Protein backbone atom coordinates (compact mmCIF):
# COMPACT_ATOMS: atom_id res chain seq x y z
CA UNK A 1 39.71 -18.59 -99.93
CA UNK A 2 40.39 -16.65 -102.92
CA UNK A 3 37.35 -17.86 -104.92
CA UNK A 4 35.02 -17.10 -101.71
CA UNK A 5 33.28 -20.35 -102.29
CA UNK A 6 32.16 -19.36 -105.79
CA UNK A 7 34.36 -21.91 -107.82
CA UNK A 8 34.85 -25.67 -107.05
CA UNK A 9 38.62 -25.45 -107.29
CA UNK A 10 38.92 -29.07 -107.29
CA UNK A 11 36.57 -29.69 -110.42
CA UNK A 12 38.16 -26.67 -112.23
CA UNK A 13 41.71 -27.97 -111.69
CA UNK A 14 40.98 -31.63 -112.87
CA UNK A 15 40.44 -30.01 -116.42
CA UNK A 16 43.72 -28.31 -116.21
CA UNK A 17 45.75 -31.53 -115.04
CA UNK A 18 44.00 -34.24 -116.93
CA UNK A 19 43.75 -32.80 -120.53
CA UNK A 20 46.61 -32.73 -122.68
CA UNK A 21 47.60 -29.37 -124.21
CA UNK A 22 46.02 -25.98 -123.57
CA UNK A 23 42.63 -24.33 -124.53
CA UNK A 24 42.57 -21.62 -127.19
CA UNK A 25 39.95 -18.98 -126.07
CA UNK A 26 38.71 -16.69 -128.73
CA UNK A 27 36.49 -13.67 -127.83
CA UNK A 28 33.83 -12.17 -130.31
CA UNK A 29 32.16 -8.76 -130.08
CA UNK A 30 29.01 -7.84 -131.90
CA UNK A 31 27.87 -4.50 -130.85
CA UNK A 32 27.53 -4.65 -127.06
CA UNK A 33 27.29 -8.48 -127.01
CA UNK A 34 30.57 -10.29 -126.00
CA UNK A 35 30.81 -13.92 -126.56
CA UNK A 36 33.68 -16.47 -126.02
CA UNK A 37 34.60 -19.75 -127.37
CA UNK A 38 37.15 -22.30 -126.47
CA UNK A 39 38.79 -25.07 -128.36
CA UNK A 40 41.83 -27.27 -128.08
CA UNK A 41 44.89 -25.48 -129.25
CA UNK A 42 46.74 -27.54 -131.91
CA UNK A 43 50.12 -26.27 -133.18
CA UNK A 44 50.45 -29.32 -135.34
CA UNK A 45 48.43 -32.26 -135.86
CA UNK A 46 50.45 -35.68 -136.12
CA UNK A 47 47.99 -38.69 -137.10
CA UNK A 48 49.67 -41.07 -134.63
CA UNK A 49 48.79 -38.58 -131.78
CA UNK A 50 45.42 -37.18 -132.90
CA UNK A 51 42.45 -37.66 -130.78
CA UNK A 52 39.14 -36.04 -130.99
CA UNK A 53 38.88 -32.87 -129.01
CA UNK A 54 35.12 -32.78 -128.91
CA UNK A 55 35.45 -33.70 -125.16
CA UNK A 56 38.26 -31.39 -124.29
CA UNK A 57 36.58 -28.72 -122.34
CA UNK A 58 38.47 -26.75 -119.61
CA UNK A 59 36.92 -24.85 -116.77
CA UNK A 60 38.32 -21.31 -117.57
CA UNK A 61 37.87 -18.65 -115.05
CA UNK A 62 37.56 -15.21 -116.81
CA UNK A 63 37.45 -11.66 -115.35
CA UNK A 64 36.56 -8.62 -117.34
CA UNK A 65 36.30 -4.87 -117.09
CA UNK A 66 33.87 -2.53 -118.78
CA UNK A 67 33.75 1.27 -118.99
CA UNK A 68 31.34 1.34 -116.20
CA UNK A 69 33.87 -0.55 -113.99
CA UNK A 70 37.16 0.52 -112.39
CA UNK A 71 39.73 -2.02 -111.36
CA UNK A 72 39.36 -1.32 -107.59
CA UNK A 73 35.42 -2.04 -107.47
CA UNK A 74 35.16 -4.39 -110.60
CA UNK A 75 34.12 -7.90 -109.74
CA UNK A 76 32.95 -9.19 -113.24
CA UNK A 77 33.87 -12.92 -113.31
CA UNK A 78 32.70 -15.65 -115.40
CA UNK A 79 33.45 -19.39 -115.62
CA UNK A 80 33.73 -20.75 -119.29
CA UNK A 81 33.09 -24.42 -118.79
CA UNK A 82 31.43 -25.06 -122.16
CA UNK A 83 32.36 -24.50 -125.84
CA UNK A 84 30.55 -21.28 -126.20
CA UNK A 85 29.62 -18.87 -123.32
CA UNK A 86 28.61 -15.42 -122.03
């Protein structure tokens, strides 16, 4: 109901439930262009617990506001479901 049918909540939640750890989302700005990147957050890497994080991608719903948008009428939403986006 909250997503108004715009997101596959079951698919989105699988990435959060089945992956160990958390994603680190980094936002880059170059002029008017904004891009985001996700990667697996690693505080400490222990050799016996290390696994390749190449397949660790989360479905991350993002919302954002710009100068031309106020909170009441702003509906800028994006689903980050790959390593680089926007």
